[in-house]
PDB file of all heavy atoms in Angstrom:
ATOM      1  N   LEU A   1     -68.801  40.803 -64.894  1.00  0.00           N
ATOM      2  CA  LEU A   1     -69.175  41.981 -65.611  1.00  0.00           C
ATOM      3  C   LEU A   1     -70.100  42.867 -64.795  1.00  0.00           C
ATOM      4  O   LEU A   1     -69.951  44.088 -64.743  1.00  0.00           O
ATOM      5  CB  LEU A   1     -69.791  41.614 -66.949  1.00  0.00           C
ATOM      6  CG  LEU A   1     -70.166  42.757 -67.885  1.00  0.00           C
ATOM      7  CD1 LEU A   1     -68.912  43.532 -68.293  1.00  0.00           C
ATOM      8  CD2 LEU A   1     -70.851  42.215 -69.129  1.00  0.00           C
ATOM      9  N   ASP A   2     -71.087  42.234 -64.146  1.00  0.00           N
ATOM     10  CA  ASP A   2     -72.016  42.985 -63.320  1.00  0.00           C
ATOM     11  C   ASP A   2     -71.304  43.673 -62.152  1.00  0.00           C
ATOM     12  O   ASP A   2     -71.584  44.835 -61.860  1.00  0.00           O
ATOM     13  CB  ASP A   2     -73.097  42.049 -62.788  1.00  0.00           C
ATOM     14  CG  ASP A   2     -74.038  41.550 -63.909  1.00  0.00           C
ATOM     15  OD1 ASP A   2     -74.052  42.204 -64.984  1.00  0.00           O
ATOM     16  OD2 ASP A   2     -74.734  40.531 -63.702  1.00  0.00           O
ATOM     17  N   LYS A   3     -70.384  42.947 -61.517  1.00  0.00           N
ATOM     18  CA  LYS A   3     -69.643  43.536 -60.414  1.00  0.00           C
ATOM     19  C   LYS A   3     -68.764  44.684 -60.875  1.00  0.00           C
ATOM     20  O   LYS A   3     -68.633  45.702 -60.204  1.00  0.00           O
ATOM     21  CB  LYS A   3     -68.822  42.481 -59.693  1.00  0.00           C
ATOM     22  CG  LYS A   3     -69.658  41.541 -58.876  1.00  0.00           C
ATOM     23  CD  LYS A   3     -68.796  40.604 -58.056  1.00  0.00           C
ATOM     24  CE  LYS A   3     -69.720  39.697 -57.238  1.00  0.00           C
ATOM     25  NZ  LYS A   3     -69.004  39.010 -56.201  1.00  0.00           N
ATOM     26  N   ALA A   4     -68.178  44.550 -62.057  1.00  0.00           N
ATOM     27  CA  ALA A   4     -67.350  45.619 -62.592  1.00  0.00           C
ATOM     28  C   ALA A   4     -68.187  46.858 -62.894  1.00  0.00           C
ATOM     29  O   ALA A   4     -67.762  47.977 -62.633  1.00  0.00           O
ATOM     30  CB  ALA A   4     -66.621  45.107 -63.844  1.00  0.00           C
ATOM     31  N   ARG A   5     -69.364  46.652 -63.449  1.00  0.00           N
ATOM     32  CA  ARG A   5     -70.251  47.779 -63.715  1.00  0.00           C
ATOM     33  C   ARG A   5     -70.683  48.484 -62.423  1.00  0.00           C
ATOM     34  O   ARG A   5     -70.707  49.721 -62.360  1.00  0.00           O
ATOM     35  CB  ARG A   5     -71.472  47.335 -64.504  1.00  0.00           C
ATOM     36  CG  ARG A   5     -71.179  47.037 -65.944  1.00  0.00           C
ATOM     37  CD  ARG A   5     -72.425  46.650 -66.698  1.00  0.00           C
ATOM     38  NE  ARG A   5     -72.099  46.323 -68.100  1.00  0.00           N
ATOM     39  CZ  ARG A   5     -72.734  45.459 -68.816  1.00  0.00           C
ATOM     40  NH1 ARG A   5     -73.755  44.783 -68.305  1.00  0.00           N
ATOM     41  NH2 ARG A   5     -72.337  45.221 -70.061  1.00  0.00           N
ATOM     42  N   ALA A   6     -71.008  47.694 -61.392  1.00  0.00           N
ATOM     43  CA  ALA A   6     -71.409  48.286 -60.121  1.00  0.00           C
ATOM     44  C   ALA A   6     -70.253  49.056 -59.523  1.00  0.00           C
ATOM     45  O   ALA A   6     -70.449  50.159 -58.986  1.00  0.00           O
ATOM     46  CB  ALA A   6     -71.887  47.185 -59.165  1.00  0.00           C
ATOM     47  N   ALA A   7     -69.051  48.523 -59.596  1.00  0.00           N
ATOM     48  CA  ALA A   7     -67.900  49.212 -59.066  1.00  0.00           C
ATOM     49  C   ALA A   7     -67.616  50.506 -59.818  1.00  0.00           C
ATOM     50  O   ALA A   7     -67.296  51.529 -59.214  1.00  0.00           O
ATOM     51  CB  ALA A   7     -66.670  48.311 -59.107  1.00  0.00           C
ATOM     52  N   LYS A   8     -67.798  50.442 -61.134  1.00  0.00           N
ATOM     53  CA  LYS A   8     -67.608  51.650 -61.950  1.00  0.00           C
ATOM     54  C   LYS A   8     -68.615  52.720 -61.563  1.00  0.00           C
ATOM     55  O   LYS A   8     -68.248  53.919 -61.468  1.00  0.00           O
ATOM     56  CB  LYS A   8     -67.740  51.310 -63.425  1.00  0.00           C
ATOM     57  CG  LYS A   8     -67.519  52.477 -64.359  1.00  0.00           C
ATOM     58  CD  LYS A   8     -67.719  52.077 -65.806  1.00  0.00           C
ATOM     59  CE  LYS A   8     -67.646  53.311 -66.701  1.00  0.00           C
ATOM     60  NZ  LYS A   8     -68.033  53.018 -68.079  1.00  0.00           N
ATOM     61  N   GLU A   9     -69.860  52.354 -61.342  1.00  0.00           N
ATOM     62  CA  GLU A   9     -70.875  53.336 -60.951  1.00  0.00           C
ATOM     63  C   GLU A   9     -70.538  53.954 -59.598  1.00  0.00           C
ATOM     64  O   GLU A   9     -70.711  55.165 -59.425  1.00  0.00           O
ATOM     65  CB  GLU A   9     -72.256  52.672 -60.910  1.00  0.00           C
ATOM     66  CG  GLU A   9     -72.794  52.296 -62.280  1.00  0.00           C
ATOM     67  CD  GLU A   9     -74.095  51.485 -62.201  1.00  0.00           C
ATOM     68  OE1 GLU A   9     -74.560  51.211 -61.061  1.00  0.00           O
ATOM     69  OE2 GLU A   9     -74.603  51.094 -63.261  1.00  0.00           O
ATOM     70  N   LYS A  10     -70.068  53.140 -58.660  1.00  0.00           N
ATOM     71  CA  LYS A  10     -69.710  53.671 -57.339  1.00  0.00           C
ATOM     72  C   LYS A  10     -68.548  54.646 -57.462  1.00  0.00           C
ATOM     73  O   LYS A  10     -68.557  55.723 -56.837  1.00  0.00           O
ATOM     74  CB  LYS A  10     -69.348  52.541 -56.383  1.00  0.00           C
ATOM     75  CG  LYS A  10     -70.510  51.760 -55.887  1.00  0.00           C
ATOM     76  CD  LYS A  10     -70.076  50.696 -54.930  1.00  0.00           C
ATOM     77  CE  LYS A  10     -71.269  49.826 -54.488  1.00  0.00           C
ATOM     78  NZ  LYS A  10     -70.849  48.744 -53.580  1.00  0.00           N
ATOM     79  N   VAL A  11     -67.555  54.305 -58.260  1.00  0.00           N
ATOM     80  CA  VAL A  11     -66.403  55.164 -58.427  1.00  0.00           C
ATOM     81  C   VAL A  11     -66.826  56.491 -59.084  1.00  0.00           C
ATOM     82  O   VAL A  11     -66.370  57.552 -58.665  1.00  0.00           O
ATOM     83  CB  VAL A  11     -65.305  54.475 -59.285  1.00  0.00           C
ATOM     84  CG1 VAL A  11     -64.245  55.445 -59.749  1.00  0.00           C
ATOM     85  CG2 VAL A  11     -64.673  53.340 -58.492  1.00  0.00           C
ATOM     86  N   GLU A  12     -67.673  56.419 -60.078  1.00  0.00           N
ATOM     87  CA  GLU A  12     -68.151  57.661 -60.718  1.00  0.00           C
ATOM     88  C   GLU A  12     -68.956  58.500 -59.733  1.00  0.00           C
ATOM     89  O   GLU A  12     -68.836  59.729 -59.772  1.00  0.00           O
ATOM     90  CB  GLU A  12     -68.984  57.320 -61.963  1.00  0.00           C
ATOM     91  CG  GLU A  12     -68.154  56.789 -63.109  1.00  0.00           C
ATOM     92  CD  GLU A  12     -68.998  56.342 -64.295  1.00  0.00           C
ATOM     93  OE1 GLU A  12     -70.233  56.244 -64.165  1.00  0.00           O
ATOM     94  OE2 GLU A  12     -68.406  56.065 -65.356  1.00  0.00           O
ATOM     95  N   MET A  13     -69.761  57.876 -58.898  1.00  0.00           N
ATOM     96  CA  MET A  13     -70.540  58.626 -57.928  1.00  0.00           C
ATOM     97  C   MET A  13     -69.595  59.307 -56.904  1.00  0.00           C
ATOM     98  O   MET A  13     -69.786  60.510 -56.615  1.00  0.00           O
ATOM     99  CB  MET A  13     -71.491  57.650 -57.179  1.00  0.00           C
ATOM    100  CG  MET A  13     -72.399  58.381 -56.211  1.00  0.00           C
ATOM    101  SD  MET A  13     -73.526  57.264 -55.342  1.00  0.00           S
ATOM    102  CE  MET A  13     -72.374  56.308 -54.361  1.00  0.00           C
ATOM    103  N   VAL A  14     -68.598  58.622 -56.446  1.00  0.00           N
ATOM    104  CA  VAL A  14     -67.651  59.225 -55.505  1.00  0.00           C
ATOM    105  C   VAL A  14     -66.880  60.352 -56.180  1.00  0.00           C
ATOM    106  O   VAL A  14     -66.640  61.411 -55.602  1.00  0.00           O
ATOM    107  CB  VAL A  14     -66.698  58.142 -54.943  1.00  0.00           C
ATOM    108  CG1 VAL A  14     -65.548  58.758 -54.186  1.00  0.00           C
ATOM    109  CG2 VAL A  14     -67.458  57.178 -54.052  1.00  0.00           C
ATOM    110  N   ARG A  15     -66.481  60.132 -57.464  1.00  0.00           N
ATOM    111  CA  ARG A  15     -65.756  61.160 -58.200  1.00  0.00           C
ATOM    112  C   ARG A  15     -66.612  62.427 -58.332  1.00  0.00           C
ATOM    113  O   ARG A  15     -66.119  63.532 -58.118  1.00  0.00           O
ATOM    114  CB  ARG A  15     -65.386  60.637 -59.565  1.00  0.00           C
ATOM    115  CG  ARG A  15     -64.546  61.641 -60.371  1.00  0.00           C
ATOM    116  CD  ARG A  15     -64.515  61.339 -61.842  1.00  0.00           C
ATOM    117  NE  ARG A  15     -65.861  61.412 -62.376  1.00  0.00           N
ATOM    118  CZ  ARG A  15     -66.263  60.850 -63.475  1.00  0.00           C
ATOM    119  NH1 ARG A  15     -65.436  60.124 -64.181  1.00  0.00           N
ATOM    120  NH2 ARG A  15     -67.489  60.973 -63.915  1.00  0.00           N
ATOM    121  N   ASP A  16     -67.879  62.263 -58.673  1.00  0.00           N
ATOM    122  CA  ASP A  16     -68.747  63.408 -58.812  1.00  0.00           C
ATOM    123  C   ASP A  16     -68.940  64.153 -57.487  1.00  0.00           C
ATOM    124  O   ASP A  16     -68.921  65.409 -57.439  1.00  0.00           O
ATOM    125  CB  ASP A  16     -70.118  62.976 -59.362  1.00  0.00           C
ATOM    126  CG  ASP A  16     -70.033  62.484 -60.798  1.00  0.00           C
ATOM    127  OD1 ASP A  16     -69.042  62.771 -61.479  1.00  0.00           O
ATOM    128  OD2 ASP A  16     -70.993  61.753 -61.221  1.00  0.00           O
ATOM    129  N   THR A  17     -69.069  63.392 -56.397  1.00  0.00           N
ATOM    130  CA  THR A  17     -69.220  64.025 -55.086  1.00  0.00           C
ATOM    131  C   THR A  17     -67.964  64.813 -54.703  1.00  0.00           C
ATOM    132  O   THR A  17     -68.059  65.953 -54.247  1.00  0.00           O
ATOM    133  CB  THR A  17     -69.519  62.957 -54.034  1.00  0.00           C
ATOM    134  OG1 THR A  17     -70.670  62.208 -54.423  1.00  0.00           O
ATOM    135  CG2 THR A  17     -69.747  63.561 -52.672  1.00  0.00           C
ATOM    136  N   VAL A  18     -66.822  64.204 -54.888  1.00  0.00           N
ATOM    137  CA  VAL A  18     -65.558  64.876 -54.523  1.00  0.00           C
ATOM    138  C   VAL A  18     -65.332  66.088 -55.397  1.00  0.00           C
ATOM    139  O   VAL A  18     -64.910  67.141 -54.917  1.00  0.00           O
ATOM    140  CB  VAL A  18     -64.383  63.882 -54.615  1.00  0.00           C
ATOM    141  CG1 VAL A  18     -63.056  64.567 -54.541  1.00  0.00           C
ATOM    142  CG2 VAL A  18     -64.468  62.821 -53.554  1.00  0.00           C
ATOM    143  N   THR A  19     -65.654  66.004 -56.674  1.00  0.00           N
ATOM    144  CA  THR A  19     -65.495  67.124 -57.576  1.00  0.00           C
ATOM    145  C   THR A  19     -66.406  68.276 -57.151  1.00  0.00           C
ATOM    146  O   THR A  19     -66.017  69.446 -57.163  1.00  0.00           O
ATOM    147  CB  THR A  19     -65.804  66.718 -59.021  1.00  0.00           C
ATOM    148  OG1 THR A  19     -64.939  65.638 -59.378  1.00  0.00           O
ATOM    149  CG2 THR A  19     -65.616  67.842 -59.988  1.00  0.00           C
ATOM    150  N   GLY A  20     -67.642  67.941 -56.768  1.00  0.00           N
ATOM    151  CA  GLY A  20     -68.579  68.973 -56.309  1.00  0.00           C
ATOM    152  C   GLY A  20     -68.078  69.671 -55.061  1.00  0.00           C
ATOM    153  O   GLY A  20     -68.107  70.896 -54.978  1.00  0.00           O
ATOM    154  N   PHE A  21     -67.617  68.895 -54.073  1.00  0.00           N
ATOM    155  CA  PHE A  21     -67.091  69.501 -52.846  1.00  0.00           C
ATOM    156  C   PHE A  21     -65.863  70.351 -53.150  1.00  0.00           C
ATOM    157  O   PHE A  21     -65.728  71.456 -52.603  1.00  0.00           O
ATOM    158  CB  PHE A  21     -66.732  68.430 -51.819  1.00  0.00           C
ATOM    159  CG  PHE A  21     -67.923  67.895 -51.062  1.00  0.00           C
ATOM    160  CD1 PHE A  21     -68.126  66.540 -50.951  1.00  0.00           C
ATOM    161  CD2 PHE A  21     -68.828  68.744 -50.444  1.00  0.00           C
ATOM    162  CE1 PHE A  21     -69.209  66.017 -50.248  1.00  0.00           C
ATOM    163  CE2 PHE A  21     -69.895  68.275 -49.740  1.00  0.00           C
ATOM    164  CZ  PHE A  21     -70.105  66.894 -49.652  1.00  0.00           C
ATOM    165  N   ALA A  22     -64.978  69.861 -53.968  1.00  0.00           N
ATOM    166  CA  ALA A  22     -63.738  70.596 -54.284  1.00  0.00           C
ATOM    167  C   ALA A  22     -64.061  71.921 -55.006  1.00  0.00           C
ATOM    168  O   ALA A  22     -63.466  72.964 -54.690  1.00  0.00           O
ATOM    169  CB  ALA A  22     -62.829  69.746 -55.140  1.00  0.00           C
ATOM    170  N   SER A  23     -65.001  71.899 -55.934  1.00  0.00           N
ATOM    171  CA  SER A  23     -65.337  73.126 -56.652  1.00  0.00           C
ATOM    172  C   SER A  23     -66.008  74.143 -55.723  1.00  0.00           C
ATOM    173  O   SER A  23     -65.728  75.325 -55.796  1.00  0.00           O
ATOM    174  CB  SER A  23     -66.208  72.844 -57.867  1.00  0.00           C
ATOM    175  OG  SER A  23     -67.458  72.352 -57.483  1.00  0.00           O
ATOM    176  N   GLU A  24     -66.867  73.654 -54.835  1.00  0.00           N
ATOM    177  CA  GLU A  24     -67.499  74.581 -53.867  1.00  0.00           C
ATOM    178  C   GLU A  24     -66.463  75.164 -52.920  1.00  0.00           C
ATOM    179  O   GLU A  24     -66.499  76.369 -52.610  1.00  0.00           O
ATOM    180  CB  GLU A  24     -68.596  73.834 -53.056  1.00  0.00           C
ATOM    181  CG  GLU A  24     -69.864  73.568 -53.852  1.00  0.00           C
ATOM    182  CD  GLU A  24     -70.548  74.849 -54.269  1.00  0.00           C
ATOM    183  OE1 GLU A  24     -70.628  75.829 -53.468  1.00  0.00           O
ATOM    184  OE2 GLU A  24     -70.993  74.914 -55.437  1.00  0.00           O
ATOM    185  N   TYR A  25     -65.536  74.358 -52.415  1.00  0.00           N
ATOM    186  CA  TYR A  25     -64.522  74.824 -51.520  1.00  0.00           C
ATOM    187  C   TYR A  25     -63.657  75.883 -52.238  1.00  0.00           C
ATOM    188  O   TYR A  25     -63.298  76.909 -51.663  1.00  0.00           O
ATOM    189  CB  TYR A  25     -63.643  73.667 -51.032  1.00  0.00           C
ATOM    190  CG  TYR A  25     -62.579  74.083 -50.063  1.00  0.00           C
ATOM    191  CD1 TYR A  25     -62.879  74.282 -48.726  1.00  0.00           C
ATOM    192  CD2 TYR A  25     -61.273  74.319 -50.490  1.00  0.00           C
ATOM    193  CE1 TYR A  25     -61.924  74.678 -47.825  1.00  0.00           C
ATOM    194  CE2 TYR A  25     -60.298  74.746 -49.592  1.00  0.00           C
ATOM    195  CZ  TYR A  25     -60.637  74.909 -48.284  1.00  0.00           C
ATOM    196  OH  TYR A  25     -59.682  75.317 -47.381  1.00  0.00           O
ATOM    197  N   TYR A  26     -63.313  75.598 -53.497  1.00  0.00           N
ATOM    198  CA  TYR A  26     -62.492  76.556 -54.248  1.00  0.00           C
ATOM    199  C   TYR A  26     -63.214  77.872 -54.405  1.00  0.00           C
ATOM    200  O   TYR A  26     -62.642  78.947 -54.216  1.00  0.00           O
ATOM    201  CB  TYR A  26     -62.134  75.974 -55.633  1.00  0.00           C
ATOM    202  CG  TYR A  26     -61.337  76.910 -56.473  1.00  0.00           C
ATOM    203  CD1 TYR A  26     -59.980  77.061 -56.290  1.00  0.00           C
ATOM    204  CD2 TYR A  26     -61.967  77.667 -57.475  1.00  0.00           C
ATOM    205  CE1 TYR A  26     -59.216  77.917 -57.070  1.00  0.00           C
ATOM    206  CE2 TYR A  26     -61.245  78.537 -58.267  1.00  0.00           C
ATOM    207  CZ  TYR A  26     -59.878  78.675 -58.066  1.00  0.00           C
ATOM    208  OH  TYR A  26     -59.160  79.544 -58.811  1.00  0.00           O
ATOM    209  N   ASP A  27     -64.498  77.803 -54.787  1.00  0.00           N
ATOM    210  CA  ASP A  27     -65.263  79.027 -55.013  1.00  0.00           C
ATOM    211  C   ASP A  27     -65.439  79.850 -53.735  1.00  0.00           C
ATOM    212  O   ASP A  27     -65.392  81.071 -53.784  1.00  0.00           O
ATOM    213  CB  ASP A  27     -66.653  78.689 -55.586  1.00  0.00           C
ATOM    214  CG  ASP A  27     -66.592  78.167 -57.029  1.00  0.00           C
ATOM    215  OD1 ASP A  27     -65.557  78.379 -57.658  1.00  0.00           O
ATOM    216  OD2 ASP A  27     -67.574  77.525 -57.455  1.00  0.00           O
ATOM    217  N   GLU A  28     -65.609  79.181 -52.601  1.00  0.00           N
ATOM    218  CA  GLU A  28     -65.871  79.882 -51.358  1.00  0.00           C
ATOM    219  C   GLU A  28     -64.589  80.300 -50.600  1.00  0.00           C
ATOM    220  O   GLU A  28     -64.612  81.333 -49.911  1.00  0.00           O
ATOM    221  CB  GLU A  28     -66.732  79.034 -50.444  1.00  0.00           C
ATOM    222  CG  GLU A  28     -68.139  78.824 -50.969  1.00  0.00           C
ATOM    223  CD  GLU A  28     -68.969  77.917 -50.100  1.00  0.00           C
ATOM    224  OE1 GLU A  28     -68.489  77.535 -49.006  1.00  0.00           O
ATOM    225  OE2 GLU A  28     -70.080  77.575 -50.510  1.00  0.00           O
ATOM    226  N   HIS A  29     -63.514  79.556 -50.701  1.00  0.00           N
ATOM    227  CA  HIS A  29     -62.342  79.801 -49.860  1.00  0.00           C
ATOM    228  C   HIS A  29     -61.101  80.211 -50.653  1.00  0.00           C
ATOM    229  O   HIS A  29     -60.364  81.044 -50.171  1.00  0.00           O
ATOM    230  CB  HIS A  29     -62.041  78.544 -49.001  1.00  0.00           C
ATOM    231  CG  HIS A  29     -63.140  78.202 -48.084  1.00  0.00           C
ATOM    232  ND1 HIS A  29     -63.410  78.874 -46.929  1.00  0.00           N
ATOM    233  CD2 HIS A  29     -64.072  77.232 -48.159  1.00  0.00           C
ATOM    234  CE1 HIS A  29     -64.446  78.344 -46.312  1.00  0.00           C
ATOM    235  NE2 HIS A  29     -64.874  77.316 -47.044  1.00  0.00           N
ATOM    236  N   ILE A  30     -60.844  79.579 -51.753  1.00  0.00           N
ATOM    237  CA  ILE A  30     -59.612  79.829 -52.477  1.00  0.00           C
ATOM    238  C   ILE A  30     -59.709  81.034 -53.429  1.00  0.00           C
ATOM    239  O   ILE A  30     -58.834  81.907 -53.432  1.00  0.00           O
ATOM    240  CB  ILE A  30     -59.197  78.583 -53.282  1.00  0.00           C
ATOM    241  CG1 ILE A  30     -59.113  77.352 -52.376  1.00  0.00           C
ATOM    242  CG2 ILE A  30     -57.896  78.813 -54.012  1.00  0.00           C
ATOM    243  CD1 ILE A  30     -58.056  77.412 -51.332  1.00  0.00           C
ATOM    244  N   GLN A  31     -60.778  81.129 -54.170  1.00  0.00           N
ATOM    245  CA  GLN A  31     -60.939  82.162 -55.176  1.00  0.00           C
ATOM    246  C   GLN A  31     -60.830  83.584 -54.588  1.00  0.00           C
ATOM    247  O   GLN A  31     -60.139  84.411 -55.144  1.00  0.00           O
ATOM    248  CB  GLN A  31     -62.247  81.986 -55.944  1.00  0.00           C
ATOM    249  CG  GLN A  31     -62.417  82.909 -57.137  1.00  0.00           C
ATOM    250  CD  GLN A  31     -61.366  82.684 -58.196  1.00  0.00           C
ATOM    251  OE1 GLN A  31     -60.969  81.566 -58.430  1.00  0.00           O
ATOM    252  NE2 GLN A  31     -60.922  83.729 -58.835  1.00  0.00           N
ATOM    253  N   PRO A  32     -61.510  83.913 -53.458  1.00  0.00           N
ATOM    254  CA  PRO A  32     -61.371  85.263 -52.913  1.00  0.00           C
ATOM    255  C   PRO A  32     -59.931  85.585 -52.512  1.00  0.00           C
ATOM    256  O   PRO A  32     -59.463  86.725 -52.720  1.00  0.00           O
ATOM    257  CB  PRO A  32     -62.282  85.250 -51.665  1.00  0.00           C
ATOM    258  CG  PRO A  32     -63.259  84.156 -51.921  1.00  0.00           C
ATOM    259  CD  PRO A  32     -62.502  83.136 -52.733  1.00  0.00           C
ATOM    260  N   THR A  33     -59.212  84.631 -51.994  1.00  0.00           N
ATOM    261  CA  THR A  33     -57.810  84.841 -51.600  1.00  0.00           C
ATOM    262  C   THR A  33     -56.939  85.046 -52.820  1.00  0.00           C
ATOM    263  O   THR A  33     -56.073  85.919 -52.832  1.00  0.00           O
ATOM    264  CB  THR A  33     -57.281  83.644 -50.777  1.00  0.00           C
ATOM    265  OG1 THR A  33     -58.178  83.419 -49.708  1.00  0.00           O
ATOM    266  CG2 THR A  33     -55.927  83.885 -50.253  1.00  0.00           C
ATOM    267  N   VAL A  34     -57.176  84.268 -53.852  1.00  0.00           N
ATOM    268  CA  VAL A  34     -56.415  84.404 -55.088  1.00  0.00           C
ATOM    269  C   VAL A  34     -56.583  85.774 -55.720  1.00  0.00           C
ATOM    270  O   VAL A  34     -55.630  86.377 -56.176  1.00  0.00           O
ATOM    271  CB  VAL A  34     -56.788  83.270 -56.085  1.00  0.00           C
ATOM    272  CG1 VAL A  34     -56.212  83.510 -57.449  1.00  0.00           C
ATOM    273  CG2 VAL A  34     -56.342  81.925 -55.550  1.00  0.00           C
ATOM    274  N   ASP A  35     -57.809  86.276 -55.710  1.00  0.00           N
ATOM    275  CA  ASP A  35     -58.071  87.598 -56.286  1.00  0.00           C
ATOM    276  C   ASP A  35     -57.274  88.674 -55.558  1.00  0.00           C
ATOM    277  O   ASP A  35     -56.685  89.544 -56.177  1.00  0.00           O
ATOM    278  CB  ASP A  35     -59.553  87.890 -56.269  1.00  0.00           C
ATOM    279  CG  ASP A  35     -60.336  87.071 -57.251  1.00  0.00           C
ATOM    280  OD1 ASP A  35     -59.730  86.522 -58.198  1.00  0.00           O
ATOM    281  OD2 ASP A  35     -61.585  86.943 -57.090  1.00  0.00           O
ATOM    282  N   SER A  36     -57.297  88.650 -54.228  1.00  0.00           N
ATOM    283  CA  SER A  36     -56.568  89.678 -53.486  1.00  0.00           C
ATOM    284  C   SER A  36     -55.069  89.560 -53.709  1.00  0.00           C
ATOM    285  O   SER A  36     -54.359  90.574 -53.850  1.00  0.00           O
ATOM    286  CB  SER A  36     -56.905  89.606 -51.975  1.00  0.00           C
ATOM    287  OG  SER A  36     -56.441  88.377 -51.421  1.00  0.00           O
ATOM    288  N   TYR A  37     -54.520  88.349 -53.739  1.00  0.00           N
ATOM    289  CA  TYR A  37     -53.114  88.180 -53.981  1.00  0.00           C
ATOM    290  C   TYR A  37     -52.716  88.599 -55.402  1.00  0.00           C
ATOM    291  O   TYR A  37     -51.665  89.157 -55.619  1.00  0.00           O
ATOM    292  CB  TYR A  37     -52.665  86.739 -53.732  1.00  0.00           C
ATOM    293  CG  TYR A  37     -52.480  86.425 -52.245  1.00  0.00           C
ATOM    294  CD1 TYR A  37     -53.144  85.373 -51.680  1.00  0.00           C
ATOM    295  CD2 TYR A  37     -51.661  87.200 -51.458  1.00  0.00           C
ATOM    296  CE1 TYR A  37     -52.982  85.073 -50.338  1.00  0.00           C
ATOM    297  CE2 TYR A  37     -51.488  86.915 -50.117  1.00  0.00           C
ATOM    298  CZ  TYR A  37     -52.154  85.832 -49.556  1.00  0.00           C
ATOM    299  OH  TYR A  37     -52.007  85.570 -48.260  1.00  0.00           O
ATOM    300  N   SER A  38     -53.578  88.309 -56.346  1.00  0.00           N
ATOM    301  CA  SER A  38     -53.249  88.710 -57.723  1.00  0.00           C
ATOM    302  C   SER A  38     -53.257  90.233 -57.865  1.00  0.00           C
ATOM    303  O   SER A  38     -52.432  90.797 -58.567  1.00  0.00           O
ATOM    304  CB  SER A  38     -54.180  88.049 -58.733  1.00  0.00           C
ATOM    305  OG  SER A  38     -55.502  88.480 -58.510  1.00  0.00           O
TER     306      SER A  38
END
């Protein structure tokens, strides 16, 4: 149970990090291009 909780915390930490990077990348690189194409 302890190992499962630790693994869950690591997965959530990685998920939060990846989500943060993806949202920043979208805001800085994808969104301006989408606006001009739209």
